[in-house]
Every structure is written in structure tokens, then in C-alpha cells.
Amino acid sequence: MSLNELDTLMNKLDERKSTHPNLASVWLNYLTIKKEKLEEAISDANKMLEICNRVENDMTHESIYILWCLMRNIRE
């Protein structure tokens, strides 16, 4: 599903708020959070691609895992 399709779905849910306010609100809140997370992931992936243009060597799986663990601990 593209972001445009997601926006269309969210607009349809918004239209249903008058007849089904609770269901529409729950789904809109859920999809809004998911959309924000997806946009953040897309931005992060684009940043990684920019870094790949400047750096020749790839990271090992172990290094990636260690960084992931560190970032997870910092965020908690």
C-alpha cells in the first residue's frame, strides 16, 4: 500500500466519523501512528543511502546488531 492509498483510506475513515465515531477514531489514531513511524523509517533509510554514498565499506552484521542494541537501550 502506498502512502497515497493510506491517505485515501484515512479520508474515508474520517468521513465515517459522523456515523461511526468510535470505530473511525480508533482506526484513524492507529493508522496515524503507523504512518508517522513509516515516514520516520523512510527518512532514516534515505539518510543511510546518503551515508553509503560517502563510505565505501559495509558494516558487519555484528556491528549492526551492537548499534541496534545500543540505540534500543538509549531510547528506553
C-alpha atoms as a PDB file:
ATOM      1  CA  MET A   1       0.000   0.000   0.000  1.00  0.00           C
ATOM      2  CA  SER A   2       1.341   3.393  -0.964  1.00  0.00           C
ATOM      3  CA  LEU A   3       1.152   6.479   1.208  1.00  0.00           C
ATOM      4  CA  ASN A   4      -1.448   7.891  -1.205  1.00  0.00           C
ATOM      5  CA  GLU A   5      -3.629   4.828  -0.681  1.00  0.00           C
ATOM      6  CA  LEU A   6      -3.184   5.184   3.059  1.00  0.00           C
ATOM      7  CA  ASP A   7      -4.238   8.828   2.883  1.00  0.00           C
ATOM      8  CA  THR A   8      -7.309   7.841   0.844  1.00  0.00           C
ATOM      9  CA  LEU A   9      -8.235   5.209   3.427  1.00  0.00           C
ATOM     10  CA  MET A  10      -7.775   7.699   6.256  1.00  0.00           C
ATOM     11  CA  ASN A  11     -10.011  10.199   4.441  1.00  0.00           C
ATOM     12  CA  LYS A  12     -12.712   7.531   4.083  1.00  0.00           C
ATOM     13  CA  LEU A  13     -12.474   6.771   7.783  1.00  0.00           C
ATOM     14  CA  ASP A  14     -12.714  10.478   8.565  1.00  0.00           C
ATOM     15  CA  GLU A  15     -15.936  10.639   6.540  1.00  0.00           C
ATOM     16  CA  ARG A  16     -17.384   7.849   8.707  1.00  0.00           C
ATOM     17  CA  LYS A  17     -16.814   9.777  11.934  1.00  0.00           C
ATOM     18  CA  SER A  18     -20.347  11.158  11.811  1.00  0.00           C
ATOM     19  CA  THR A  19     -21.952   7.700  11.732  1.00  0.00           C
ATOM     20  CA  HIS A  20     -19.308   5.583  13.476  1.00  0.00           C
ATOM     21  CA  PRO A  21     -17.236   7.971  15.608  1.00  0.00           C
ATOM     22  CA  ASN A  22     -15.670   5.381  17.905  1.00  0.00           C
ATOM     23  CA  LEU A  23     -14.584   2.894  15.252  1.00  0.00           C
ATOM     24  CA  ALA A  24     -13.379   5.592  12.887  1.00  0.00           C
ATOM     25  CA  SER A  25     -11.411   7.362  15.637  1.00  0.00           C
ATOM     26  CA  VAL A  26      -9.698   4.183  16.806  1.00  0.00           C
ATOM     27  CA  TRP A  27      -8.624   3.289  13.261  1.00  0.00           C
ATOM     28  CA  LEU A  28      -7.571   6.844  12.446  1.00  0.00           C
ATOM     29  CA  ASN A  29      -5.416   7.042  15.567  1.00  0.00           C
ATOM     30  CA  TYR A  30      -3.856   3.644  14.845  1.00  0.00           C
ATOM     31  CA  LEU A  31      -3.118   4.476  11.200  1.00  0.00           C
ATOM     32  CA  THR A  32      -1.780   7.925  12.075  1.00  0.00           C
ATOM     33  CA  ILE A  33       0.776   6.382  14.421  1.00  0.00           C
ATOM     34  CA  LYS A  34       1.744   3.743  11.847  1.00  0.00           C
ATOM     35  CA  LYS A  35       2.058   6.388   9.113  1.00  0.00           C
ATOM     36  CA  GLU A  36       4.339   8.539  11.290  1.00  0.00           C
ATOM     37  CA  LYS A  37       6.543   5.512  12.037  1.00  0.00           C
ATOM     38  CA  LEU A  38       6.685   4.595   8.342  1.00  0.00           C
ATOM     39  CA  GLU A  39       7.624   8.150   7.344  1.00  0.00           C
ATOM     40  CA  GLU A  40      10.350   8.114  10.006  1.00  0.00           C
ATOM     41  CA  ALA A  41      11.680   4.781   8.701  1.00  0.00           C
ATOM     42  CA  ILE A  42      11.699   6.109   5.128  1.00  0.00           C
ATOM     43  CA  SER A  43      13.617   9.176   6.267  1.00  0.00           C
ATOM     44  CA  ASP A  44      16.132   7.014   8.158  1.00  0.00           C
ATOM     45  CA  ALA A  45      16.618   4.775   5.112  1.00  0.00           C
ATOM     46  CA  ASN A  46      17.265   7.822   2.929  1.00  0.00           C
ATOM     47  CA  LYS A  47      19.859   9.060   5.430  1.00  0.00           C
ATOM     48  CA  MET A  48      21.552   5.644   5.302  1.00  0.00           C
ATOM     49  CA  LEU A  49      21.665   5.817   1.498  1.00  0.00           C
ATOM     50  CA  GLU A  50      23.346   9.224   1.710  1.00  0.00           C
ATOM     51  CA  ILE A  51      25.941   7.784   4.086  1.00  0.00           C
ATOM     52  CA  CYS A  52      26.529   4.853   1.707  1.00  0.00           C
ATOM     53  CA  ASN A  53      27.482   7.370  -0.986  1.00  0.00           C
ATOM     54  CA  ARG A  54      30.287   8.674   1.235  1.00  0.00           C
ATOM     55  CA  VAL A  55      31.514   5.420   2.821  1.00  0.00           C
ATOM     56  CA  GLU A  56      32.949   2.506   0.860  1.00  0.00           C
ATOM     57  CA  ASN A  57      32.986  -0.269   3.473  1.00  0.00           C
ATOM     58  CA  ASP A  58      29.863  -2.083   4.581  1.00  0.00           C
ATOM     59  CA  MET A  59      29.172  -2.801   8.252  1.00  0.00           C
ATOM     60  CA  THR A  60      29.262  -6.358   9.560  1.00  0.00           C
ATOM     61  CA  HIS A  61      26.100  -7.977  10.891  1.00  0.00           C
ATOM     62  CA  GLU A  62      27.668  -7.946  14.346  1.00  0.00           C
ATOM     63  CA  SER A  63      28.336  -4.205  14.205  1.00  0.00           C
ATOM     64  CA  ILE A  64      24.799  -3.513  13.083  1.00  0.00           C
ATOM     65  CA  TYR A  65      23.424  -5.652  15.907  1.00  0.00           C
ATOM     66  CA  ILE A  66      25.599  -3.903  18.508  1.00  0.00           C
ATOM     67  CA  LEU A  67      24.479  -0.480  17.284  1.00  0.00           C
ATOM     68  CA  TRP A  68      20.857  -1.611  17.323  1.00  0.00           C
ATOM     69  CA  CYS A  69      21.219  -2.826  20.922  1.00  0.00           C
ATOM     70  CA  LEU A  70      22.848   0.417  21.996  1.00  0.00           C
ATOM     71  CA  MET A  71      20.178   2.564  20.354  1.00  0.00           C
ATOM     72  CA  ARG A  72      17.428   0.429  21.884  1.00  0.00           C
ATOM     73  CA  ASN A  73      18.904   0.862  25.361  1.00  0.00           C
ATOM     74  CA  ILE A  74      19.313   4.607  24.882  1.00  0.00           C
ATOM     75  CA  ARG A  75      15.681   5.016  23.811  1.00  0.00           C
ATOM     76  CA  GLU A  76      14.327   3.043  26.792  1.00  0.00           C
END
